[in-house]
Protein backbone atom coordinates (compact mmCIF):
# COMPACT_ATOMS: atom_id res chain seq x y z
CA MET A 1 -0.01 -0.04 0.01
CA ALA A 2 1.41 3.42 -0.93
CA HIS A 3 1.85 5.85 1.81
CA TYR A 4 0.76 9.39 1.22
CA SER A 5 2.19 12.33 3.20
CA ASP A 6 1.78 16.02 2.76
CA SER A 7 5.08 17.80 2.22
CA PHE A 8 5.58 21.47 2.31
CA VAL A 9 8.39 23.95 1.92
CA PRO A 10 9.00 26.12 4.98
CA VAL A 11 8.03 29.75 4.25
CA SER A 12 11.53 31.00 4.95
CA LEU A 13 12.90 29.06 1.93
CA VAL A 14 10.52 30.24 -0.77
CA ASN A 15 10.44 33.50 -2.71
CA ASP A 16 8.68 35.91 -0.40
CA ASP A 17 6.77 37.64 -3.20
CA GLY A 18 5.91 34.55 -5.27
CA ALA A 19 3.08 34.53 -7.79
CA ASN A 20 1.10 37.05 -5.80
CA ALA A 21 3.73 39.79 -6.01
CA PRO A 22 2.60 43.32 -6.69
CA MET A 23 2.36 44.45 -10.31
CA ARG A 24 5.33 46.91 -9.92
CA HIS A 25 7.55 44.13 -8.57
CA GLN A 26 6.66 41.89 -11.55
CA GLN A 27 7.19 44.81 -14.03
CA ILE A 28 10.74 45.29 -12.69
CA ILE A 29 11.53 41.60 -13.02
CA SER A 30 10.12 41.59 -16.54
CA ARG A 31 12.16 44.63 -17.69
CA LEU A 32 15.39 43.15 -16.27
CA HIS A 33 14.60 39.76 -17.86
CA VAL A 34 13.70 41.14 -21.27
CA GLY A 35 16.68 43.60 -21.33
CA LEU A 36 19.22 40.99 -20.40
CA GLY A 37 17.38 38.43 -22.58
CA ILE A 38 17.83 40.55 -25.74
CA LEU A 39 21.57 40.76 -24.97
CA TYR A 40 21.80 36.95 -24.53
CA TYR A 41 19.34 35.57 -27.11
CA LYS A 42 19.41 38.16 -29.87
CA GLU A 43 22.54 40.25 -29.70
CA ARG A 44 24.66 37.48 -28.18
CA THR A 45 26.74 39.91 -26.18
CA LEU A 46 25.89 38.39 -22.80
CA ILE A 47 27.44 35.00 -21.95
CA TYR A 48 25.02 34.10 -19.11
CA GLU A 49 21.43 33.20 -19.67
CA PRO A 50 18.87 35.29 -17.75
CA LEU A 51 16.11 33.43 -16.07
CA ALA A 52 13.23 34.88 -13.98
CA GLU A 53 12.07 33.34 -10.70
CA THR A 54 14.05 30.11 -11.12
CA MET A 55 15.29 27.78 -8.40
CA LEU A 56 19.03 27.85 -7.88
CA ALA A 57 19.05 24.07 -7.88
CA GLU A 58 16.58 21.37 -8.65
CA GLY A 59 14.33 20.23 -5.81
CA TYR A 60 12.02 21.85 -3.25
CA GLY A 61 13.44 24.19 -0.70
CA ASN A 62 16.03 25.83 -2.93
CA PRO A 63 16.20 29.64 -3.04
CA VAL A 64 14.40 31.42 -5.92
CA PRO A 65 15.94 34.74 -6.84
CA ASP A 66 13.81 37.17 -8.82
CA VAL A 67 16.37 37.13 -11.74
CA LEU A 68 19.49 35.08 -12.16
CA LEU A 69 22.18 34.79 -14.76
CA PHE A 70 23.13 31.18 -15.44
CA ASP A 71 26.48 30.00 -16.79
CA HIS A 72 25.82 26.89 -18.89
CA ALA A 73 29.61 26.18 -19.29
CA THR A 74 30.05 25.65 -15.49
CA GLU A 75 26.36 24.87 -14.74
CA GLN A 76 26.28 27.55 -12.03
CA THR A 77 24.41 30.70 -11.31
CA ARG A 78 26.83 33.68 -11.52
CA LEU A 79 24.62 36.74 -10.74
CA ILE A 80 21.35 37.16 -8.79
CA ILE A 81 18.96 40.07 -8.45
CA GLU A 82 16.24 40.57 -5.80
CA VAL A 83 13.49 43.13 -6.33
CA CYS A 84 11.90 44.58 -3.19
CA GLN A 85 10.27 47.47 -1.50
CA THR A 86 11.62 49.10 1.62
CA ASN A 87 10.37 46.62 4.22
CA GLY A 88 12.01 43.70 2.44
CA GLN A 89 15.33 45.29 1.56
CA LYS A 90 17.24 44.22 4.67
CA ASN A 91 16.17 40.61 4.42
CA ASP A 92 16.88 40.43 0.70
CA LEU A 93 20.38 41.82 1.19
CA LYS A 94 21.06 39.28 3.99
CA LYS A 95 19.80 36.51 1.65
CA ILE A 96 22.09 37.63 -1.17
CA ILE A 97 25.16 37.90 1.08
CA ARG A 98 24.48 34.46 2.54
CA LEU A 99 23.94 32.81 -0.87
CA ILE A 100 27.15 34.29 -2.21
CA GLU A 101 29.36 33.69 0.76
CA ASP A 102 28.09 30.19 1.46
CA ASP A 103 29.32 29.31 -2.06
CA ASP A 104 26.77 26.57 -2.57
CA TYR A 105 25.71 27.84 -6.03
CA GLY A 106 28.73 29.55 -7.52
CA ILE A 107 27.23 33.02 -7.30
CA LEU A 108 29.76 35.83 -7.73
CA GLU A 109 27.66 38.94 -7.64
CA GLY A 110 24.30 39.97 -6.34
CA PHE A 111 22.02 42.95 -6.36
CA VAL A 112 18.97 44.26 -4.42
CA TYR A 113 16.79 46.81 -6.07
CA ASN A 114 14.25 48.70 -3.97
CA TYR A 115 11.58 50.00 -6.33
CA ARG A 116 10.10 52.35 -3.79
CA THR A 117 13.38 54.34 -3.28
CA ASN A 118 15.02 53.47 -6.63
CA GLU A 119 18.08 52.30 -4.66
CA TRP A 120 20.44 49.54 -5.87
CA LEU A 121 22.78 47.63 -3.61
CA ARG A 122 25.57 45.45 -4.98
CA TYR A 123 27.38 42.68 -3.18
CA CYS A 124 30.33 40.60 -4.59
CA LYS A 125 31.97 37.49 -3.26
CA GLY A 126 34.58 38.54 -0.73
CA ASP A 127 33.10 41.95 0.06
CA GLY A 128 33.11 41.00 3.78
CA GLY A 129 29.34 41.39 4.36
CA VAL A 130 29.24 45.02 3.19
CA ALA A 131 27.25 46.02 0.19
CA THR A 132 27.84 49.07 -1.94
CA ALA A 133 25.24 51.41 -3.44
CA SER A 134 25.64 50.54 -7.15
CA SER A 135 23.68 49.13 -10.06
CA PHE A 136 26.82 48.42 -12.10
CA SER A 137 27.77 44.79 -12.59
CA GLU A 138 31.57 44.27 -12.94
CA LEU A 139 30.81 40.67 -13.81
CA ILE A 140 28.98 41.50 -17.04
CA ASN A 141 30.19 45.04 -17.40
CA LEU A 142 26.67 46.56 -17.51
CA ASP A 143 24.67 49.02 -15.52
CA LEU A 144 21.49 47.12 -14.61
CA ALA A 145 19.53 50.34 -14.01
CA GLN A 146 19.48 50.98 -17.79
CA PHE A 147 16.81 48.30 -18.16
CA LEU A 148 14.43 50.11 -15.85
CA THR A 149 14.28 53.44 -17.67
CA LEU A 150 11.46 54.05 -20.11
């Protein structure tokens, strides 16, 4: 006889905004994904594939950044972006720092974008837990803020 059990993912491990995220949050993700996607798929000037709201690894319980850049050559995520409003900024920054410094996924650079304040924070592996106010990615040599202007 087969045994059935309910399984669930603890709330702390899933993307906080999920499918019920505010429209503005989803618009930012779309703009970043489309802008980076054009560079990857069409212009072929970006070497990492942009993916929106994708698990860092297969299986339940893995973190889901809002946008990630995936390196198919190494099969690792290289850059992650979290989109938030003011009350989620601190937690998203902690999440990015932890994911980069724990080195479980190969992430080299991470960003938090607060759409209420239009503030970008950047964190790179080895920055010692201190983020800088910047939207410029040294990894891909691009200013990510360019994708959010109309």
